[in-house]
Amino acid sequence: MAISCVYCGGSHSAAAQVRACWQRHSGREASSDSPPINGSVARRGPPELARNLITDPATPVPVDWHGVSRIAIGTEDVASPTALIGRLRQMAEAR
């Protein structure tokens, strides 16, 4: 099964290859406005992988994430993340 890669916009056949791509791209995801790499387009991936996305408010949401639930994470959440983690877990379990 091919694994979509948000770092290069392509896909890989193994998680280790995605990790290597992450390292090559310093953890920076390919922009949804970037041209596809090798003719492929970045995709969210199968629901079984529970792909999530974290962006700053100014970043446009990639097409595959349009219409999904969004939550804001503030400095309070980062300083004391217990409630946030609980909410994220509830959202993941509800899928």
Protein backbone atom coordinates (compact mmCIF):
# COMPACT_ATOMS: atom_id res chain seq x y z
CA MET A 1 0.00 0.00 0.00
CA ALA A 2 1.34 3.42 -0.92
CA ILE A 3 1.62 5.94 1.90
CA SER A 4 0.93 9.55 0.95
CA CYS A 5 3.76 11.87 1.91
CA VAL A 6 2.96 15.43 2.94
CA TYR A 7 6.66 16.33 2.85
CA CYS A 8 7.28 15.74 -0.86
CA GLY A 9 3.72 15.46 -2.16
CA GLY A 10 4.39 11.96 -3.47
CA SER A 11 3.98 8.54 -1.91
CA HIS A 12 6.22 5.88 -0.41
CA SER A 13 5.91 2.15 0.07
CA ALA A 14 7.18 2.11 3.68
CA ALA A 15 7.00 4.30 6.79
CA ALA A 16 10.80 4.41 6.91
CA GLN A 17 10.78 6.15 3.52
CA VAL A 18 8.31 8.76 4.81
CA ARG A 19 10.58 9.33 7.83
CA ALA A 20 13.57 9.77 5.52
CA CYS A 21 11.58 12.24 3.42
CA TRP A 22 10.65 14.13 6.61
CA GLN A 23 14.34 14.40 7.45
CA ARG A 24 15.27 15.54 3.93
CA HIS A 25 12.61 18.28 4.08
CA SER A 26 13.41 19.31 7.69
CA GLY A 27 9.83 18.49 8.67
CA ARG A 28 8.36 21.07 6.29
CA GLU A 29 5.25 19.94 4.49
CA ALA A 30 4.81 20.58 0.80
CA SER A 31 2.46 23.47 0.17
CA SER A 32 -0.89 22.61 -1.37
CA ASP A 33 -0.06 25.40 -3.83
CA SER A 34 3.21 23.69 -4.81
CA PRO A 35 3.32 21.83 -8.09
CA PRO A 36 2.99 18.05 -7.73
CA ILE A 37 6.23 16.09 -7.44
CA ASN A 38 6.66 13.31 -10.01
CA GLY A 39 3.09 13.93 -11.20
CA SER A 40 1.53 13.08 -7.82
CA VAL A 41 -0.58 15.25 -5.53
CA ALA A 42 -0.43 15.40 -1.72
CA ARG A 43 -3.35 13.50 -0.25
CA ARG A 44 -4.70 13.02 3.24
CA GLY A 45 -4.30 9.25 3.14
CA PRO A 46 -6.63 6.48 4.27
CA PRO A 47 -8.81 7.13 7.35
CA GLU A 48 -7.11 4.22 9.14
CA LEU A 49 -3.99 6.38 9.46
CA ALA A 50 -5.98 9.17 11.18
CA ARG A 51 -4.08 11.88 9.34
CA ASN A 52 -4.30 15.21 11.14
CA LEU A 53 -3.03 18.61 10.15
CA ILE A 54 -1.61 21.46 12.21
CA THR A 55 -1.30 24.89 10.63
CA ASP A 56 -1.13 28.47 11.72
CA PRO A 57 -4.33 30.48 11.16
CA ALA A 58 -2.92 32.24 8.08
CA THR A 59 -2.09 29.01 6.22
CA PRO A 60 -4.67 27.91 3.66
CA VAL A 61 -6.17 24.51 4.42
CA PRO A 62 -5.13 21.90 1.80
CA VAL A 63 -7.98 20.57 -0.33
CA ASP A 64 -8.14 17.14 1.32
CA TRP A 65 -8.82 18.77 4.71
CA HIS A 66 -11.61 21.14 3.60
CA GLY A 67 -14.73 20.62 5.69
CA VAL A 68 -13.09 18.81 8.61
CA SER A 69 -13.31 19.99 12.22
CA ARG A 70 -10.84 22.67 13.22
CA ILE A 71 -9.76 23.72 16.68
CA ALA A 72 -7.57 26.58 17.79
CA ILE A 73 -4.62 25.81 20.04
CA GLY A 74 -3.57 28.73 22.20
CA THR A 75 -0.65 29.40 24.50
CA GLU A 76 -2.75 28.20 27.44
CA ASP A 77 -3.21 24.82 25.74
CA VAL A 78 0.52 24.47 25.20
CA ALA A 79 1.33 25.48 28.77
CA SER A 80 -1.22 23.05 30.24
CA PRO A 81 -2.18 20.53 27.54
CA THR A 82 -4.27 18.04 29.56
CA ALA A 83 -7.67 19.35 28.40
CA LEU A 84 -6.47 19.69 24.80
CA ILE A 85 -5.12 16.15 24.73
CA GLY A 86 -8.43 14.87 26.08
CA ARG A 87 -10.35 16.73 23.39
CA LEU A 88 -8.07 15.47 20.62
CA ARG A 89 -8.45 11.90 21.85
CA GLN A 90 -12.25 12.25 21.92
CA MET A 91 -12.21 13.59 18.37
CA ALA A 92 -9.99 10.72 17.20
CA GLU A 93 -12.18 8.09 18.86
CA ALA A 94 -15.31 9.61 17.29
CA ARG A 95 -14.05 8.92 13.75
